[in-house]
Protein backbone atom coordinates (compact mmCIF):
# COMPACT_ATOMS: atom_id res chain seq x y z
CA MET A 1 -0.09 -0.10 -0.02
CA ILE A 2 1.59 3.47 -1.21
CA THR A 3 0.05 6.53 0.88
CA PRO A 4 0.91 10.21 -0.04
CA SER A 5 3.37 11.98 2.26
CA ASP A 6 4.50 15.60 3.06
CA SER A 7 7.47 15.17 0.88
CA LYS A 8 7.01 15.52 -2.85
CA GLY A 9 7.04 11.59 -3.14
CA THR A 10 4.75 8.69 -1.76
CA ARG A 11 5.24 6.58 1.39
CA GLN A 12 5.04 3.08 1.39
CA LEU A 13 3.25 1.67 4.73
CA PRO A 14 5.11 -1.51 6.73
CA ARG A 15 3.50 -4.84 5.38
CA THR A 16 4.56 -6.11 8.92
CA SER A 17 4.83 -4.02 12.14
CA LEU A 18 5.46 -5.68 15.46
CA SER A 19 6.54 -4.26 18.72
CA PHE A 20 7.73 -5.38 21.63
CA LYS A 21 10.40 -5.59 24.90
CA LEU A 22 13.50 -7.28 25.12
CA HIS A 23 15.41 -7.92 28.49
CA SER A 24 18.86 -8.94 29.70
CA GLN A 25 19.95 -9.13 33.16
CA GLU A 26 22.75 -6.40 32.19
CA LEU A 27 20.28 -3.93 31.25
CA GLY A 28 17.44 -3.44 33.86
CA ALA A 29 14.75 -2.07 31.95
CA GLY A 30 15.22 -3.77 28.89
CA VAL A 31 14.64 -2.46 25.39
CA GLU A 32 11.50 -1.43 23.35
CA VAL A 33 11.71 -2.87 19.75
CA ARG A 34 9.70 -2.21 16.98
CA LEU A 35 10.26 -4.29 13.85
CA GLU A 36 8.81 -3.29 10.50
CA SER A 37 9.01 -4.66 6.88
CA PHE A 38 9.02 -2.23 3.53
CA LYS A 39 8.98 -4.46 0.38
CA ASP A 40 12.49 -6.53 0.56
CA ARG A 41 13.47 -4.98 3.72
CA TRP A 42 13.37 -4.76 7.64
CA VAL A 43 13.93 -1.81 9.78
CA ALA A 44 14.15 -2.14 13.50
CA THR A 45 14.12 0.60 16.02
CA VAL A 46 15.21 -0.10 19.41
CA CYS A 47 15.38 2.27 22.39
CA ASP A 48 16.53 2.00 25.95
CA GLY A 49 14.98 5.15 27.27
CA ARG A 50 17.70 7.64 26.67
CA ARG A 51 19.23 6.44 23.24
CA THR A 52 17.34 4.98 19.81
CA GLU A 53 18.99 3.41 17.37
CA THR A 54 18.13 1.83 13.94
CA GLY A 55 19.03 -1.05 11.99
CA LEU A 56 18.58 -2.40 8.31
CA GLY A 57 18.56 -5.81 6.85
CA SER A 58 17.25 -8.03 4.53
CA VAL A 59 15.88 -10.13 7.29
CA ALA A 60 14.16 -9.10 10.57
CA ARG A 61 16.82 -10.81 12.34
CA SER A 62 19.68 -9.07 10.55
CA ALA A 63 18.33 -5.75 10.82
CA LEU A 64 17.27 -6.62 14.77
CA SER A 65 20.71 -7.28 15.25
CA ALA A 66 22.09 -4.37 13.67
CA ALA A 67 19.91 -1.97 16.14
CA VAL A 68 20.93 -3.89 18.98
CA HIS A 69 24.34 -4.19 18.36
CA ALA A 70 24.73 -0.35 17.97
CA LEU A 71 22.58 0.30 21.02
CA ALA A 72 24.24 -1.73 23.89
CA PRO A 73 27.01 -3.90 22.44
CA GLY A 74 27.72 -5.71 25.82
CA SER A 75 24.53 -6.79 26.46
CA ALA A 76 23.45 -7.78 22.52
CA ARG A 77 24.28 -11.38 22.96
CA ALA A 78 21.52 -11.62 26.19
CA LEU A 79 19.36 -9.41 24.54
CA LEU A 80 18.98 -11.46 21.09
CA ALA A 81 18.60 -14.71 23.44
CA ASP A 82 15.48 -13.12 25.09
CA PRO A 83 13.05 -16.08 24.84
CA GLU A 84 10.60 -13.33 23.46
CA LEU A 85 12.13 -13.97 20.34
CA PHE A 86 10.74 -17.27 19.89
CA GLY A 87 7.50 -15.85 19.86
CA ILE A 88 8.21 -12.79 17.98
CA SER A 89 9.70 -15.14 15.24
CA CYS A 90 6.90 -17.16 14.86
CA ARG A 91 4.65 -13.94 14.38
CA VAL A 92 7.43 -12.27 11.02
CA LEU A 93 7.29 -16.12 9.72
CA ALA A 94 3.32 -15.86 9.74
CA SER A 95 3.18 -12.69 7.90
């Protein structure tokens, strides 16, 4: 679906959009995540309350990994191992 935007071009709406939270022991509050697909690209936006980072990828996992590594390099492994991602992976595959 294409919709007009305030710019001169058109803006494409995401096919899939998911919001969720990931946790790790290193980060007490965890991080908020928004994962969206646009045609053949995924965009992940990760926020820890102070900073926001964005990752791009051809698959959801690579976009999420890029954003998490940019935001919390020391906690990235633990965040990407959060069991919450099992359910998210199922939702991504079903979309």
